[in-house]
Structure formats: structure tokens, C-alpha cells
């Protein structure tokens, strides 16, 4: 069985490799609300990453790697 820290490092590496690329994201906003958006990974930091989402009022949003690990965010490269 893999340790959770290994899985988190894999998520960080995967997102770091997508920096500057167009991605499709599905974001679980809670209460059965899902947003499917096109975005670009803007920056990668030790605890969080930022994305620029097309066609919204506030285009720059920040997410944690744990959100991806838990399944609250799913990412697919375009």
C-alpha cells in the first residue's frame, strides 16, 4: 500500500507538469453543484496551485493539491 504522502507528491508533480497548459476541470462546489471549466495552470506553489479560468468574473482561482487527491477537483489535459 502506498503512503498518502507519496500520492500527494504524485499529484504535485502531475500539476507541475501541466503548468502553462490548457486543461479541463470539474470542480465540486458542494450541494451537488459541479462546475466544468476550461482553464490554464498559472502558477505552482508548495501547498497550492493557481489556475486562470476562462469566461468568469474572477479568472484567477487557487486550489490545494489535497482537493485533487480527495476528488473534489478532477483535471484532464486538453
C-alpha atoms as a PDB file:
ATOM      1  CA  UNK A   1       0.000   0.000   0.000  1.00  0.00           C
ATOM      2  CA  UNK A   2       1.284   3.440  -0.899  1.00  0.00           C
ATOM      3  CA  UNK A   3       1.710   6.040   1.757  1.00  0.00           C
ATOM      4  CA  UNK A   4      -0.555   9.123   1.362  1.00  0.00           C
ATOM      5  CA  UNK A   5       2.484  11.421   1.123  1.00  0.00           C
ATOM      6  CA  UNK A   6       3.643   9.518  -1.973  1.00  0.00           C
ATOM      7  CA  UNK A   7       0.262  10.068  -3.595  1.00  0.00           C
ATOM      8  CA  UNK A   8       0.340  13.773  -2.736  1.00  0.00           C
ATOM      9  CA  UNK A   9       3.804  14.100  -4.281  1.00  0.00           C
ATOM     10  CA  UNK A  10       2.495  12.410  -7.438  1.00  0.00           C
ATOM     11  CA  UNK A  11      -0.363  14.942  -7.627  1.00  0.00           C
ATOM     12  CA  UNK A  12       2.082  17.847  -7.183  1.00  0.00           C
ATOM     13  CA  UNK A  13       4.354  16.520  -9.930  1.00  0.00           C
ATOM     14  CA  UNK A  14       1.438  15.961 -12.306  1.00  0.00           C
ATOM     15  CA  UNK A  15       0.114  19.507 -11.825  1.00  0.00           C
ATOM     16  CA  UNK A  16       3.613  20.982 -12.112  1.00  0.00           C
ATOM     17  CA  UNK A  17       3.970  19.234 -15.476  1.00  0.00           C
ATOM     18  CA  UNK A  18       0.714  20.898 -16.642  1.00  0.00           C
ATOM     19  CA  UNK A  19       1.899  24.449 -15.866  1.00  0.00           C
ATOM     20  CA  UNK A  20       1.041  26.777 -18.753  1.00  0.00           C
ATOM     21  CA  UNK A  21      -1.133  24.171 -20.489  1.00  0.00           C
ATOM     22  CA  UNK A  22      -4.859  24.250 -21.226  1.00  0.00           C
ATOM     23  CA  UNK A  23      -6.844  21.866 -19.022  1.00  0.00           C
ATOM     24  CA  UNK A  24     -10.449  20.875 -18.432  1.00  0.00           C
ATOM     25  CA  UNK A  25     -11.512  20.921 -14.779  1.00  0.00           C
ATOM     26  CA  UNK A  26     -14.547  19.605 -12.967  1.00  0.00           C
ATOM     27  CA  UNK A  27     -14.920  21.395  -9.624  1.00  0.00           C
ATOM     28  CA  UNK A  28     -17.206  20.117  -6.865  1.00  0.00           C
ATOM     29  CA  UNK A  29     -18.671  23.258  -5.269  1.00  0.00           C
ATOM     30  CA  UNK A  30     -20.796  21.328  -2.748  1.00  0.00           C
ATOM     31  CA  UNK A  31     -24.519  20.589  -2.507  1.00  0.00           C
ATOM     32  CA  UNK A  32     -24.472  18.693  -5.800  1.00  0.00           C
ATOM     33  CA  UNK A  33     -23.071  21.682  -7.713  1.00  0.00           C
ATOM     34  CA  UNK A  34     -20.343  20.945 -10.241  1.00  0.00           C
ATOM     35  CA  UNK A  35     -18.586  23.456 -12.490  1.00  0.00           C
ATOM     36  CA  UNK A  36     -16.944  22.228 -15.678  1.00  0.00           C
ATOM     37  CA  UNK A  37     -14.463  24.837 -16.895  1.00  0.00           C
ATOM     38  CA  UNK A  38     -11.577  25.365 -19.293  1.00  0.00           C
ATOM     39  CA  UNK A  39      -8.518  26.782 -17.585  1.00  0.00           C
ATOM     40  CA  UNK A  40      -4.765  27.241 -17.703  1.00  0.00           C
ATOM     41  CA  UNK A  41      -2.469  26.318 -14.822  1.00  0.00           C
ATOM     42  CA  UNK A  42      -0.877  29.678 -13.961  1.00  0.00           C
ATOM     43  CA  UNK A  43       1.475  29.006 -11.039  1.00  0.00           C
ATOM     44  CA  UNK A  44       2.522  26.114  -8.840  1.00  0.00           C
ATOM     45  CA  UNK A  45       3.404  26.676  -5.179  1.00  0.00           C
ATOM     46  CA  UNK A  46       4.386  24.227  -2.397  1.00  0.00           C
ATOM     47  CA  UNK A  47       0.854  23.973  -0.916  1.00  0.00           C
ATOM     48  CA  UNK A  48      -1.458  25.303  -3.637  1.00  0.00           C
ATOM     49  CA  UNK A  49      -1.708  25.938  -7.360  1.00  0.00           C
ATOM     50  CA  UNK A  50      -3.483  28.707  -9.260  1.00  0.00           C
ATOM     51  CA  UNK A  51      -5.493  28.479 -12.466  1.00  0.00           C
ATOM     52  CA  UNK A  52      -6.856  31.084 -14.848  1.00  0.00           C
ATOM     53  CA  UNK A  53     -10.410  30.157 -15.738  1.00  0.00           C
ATOM     54  CA  UNK A  54     -11.868  31.430 -18.988  1.00  0.00           C
ATOM     55  CA  UNK A  55     -15.127  33.364 -19.049  1.00  0.00           C
ATOM     56  CA  UNK A  56     -15.673  34.098 -15.353  1.00  0.00           C
ATOM     57  CA  UNK A  57     -15.725  37.281 -13.291  1.00  0.00           C
ATOM     58  CA  UNK A  58     -12.669  36.366 -11.196  1.00  0.00           C
ATOM     59  CA  UNK A  59     -10.460  34.370 -13.566  1.00  0.00           C
ATOM     60  CA  UNK A  60      -7.633  33.533 -11.112  1.00  0.00           C
ATOM     61  CA  UNK A  61      -8.545  30.868  -8.559  1.00  0.00           C
ATOM     62  CA  UNK A  62      -6.437  28.915  -6.087  1.00  0.00           C
ATOM     63  CA  UNK A  63      -6.805  25.240  -5.193  1.00  0.00           C
ATOM     64  CA  UNK A  64      -4.874  22.891  -2.931  1.00  0.00           C
ATOM     65  CA  UNK A  65      -3.327  19.621  -4.059  1.00  0.00           C
ATOM     66  CA  UNK A  66      -5.425  17.857  -1.444  1.00  0.00           C
ATOM     67  CA  UNK A  67      -8.572  18.923  -3.353  1.00  0.00           C
ATOM     68  CA  UNK A  68      -7.308  16.893  -6.307  1.00  0.00           C
ATOM     69  CA  UNK A  69      -6.278  13.970  -4.110  1.00  0.00           C
ATOM     70  CA  UNK A  70      -9.735  13.843  -2.465  1.00  0.00           C
ATOM     71  CA  UNK A  71     -11.567  14.016  -5.786  1.00  0.00           C
ATOM     72  CA  UNK A  72     -13.169  17.445  -5.286  1.00  0.00           C
ATOM     73  CA  UNK A  73     -11.361  18.516  -8.453  1.00  0.00           C
ATOM     74  CA  UNK A  74     -10.691  16.377 -11.491  1.00  0.00           C
ATOM     75  CA  UNK A  75      -8.264  17.553 -14.141  1.00  0.00           C
ATOM     76  CA  UNK A  76      -7.963  16.446 -17.745  1.00  0.00           C
ATOM     77  CA  UNK A  77      -5.396  17.906 -20.110  1.00  0.00           C
ATOM     78  CA  UNK A  78      -6.782  19.148 -23.433  1.00  0.00           C
END
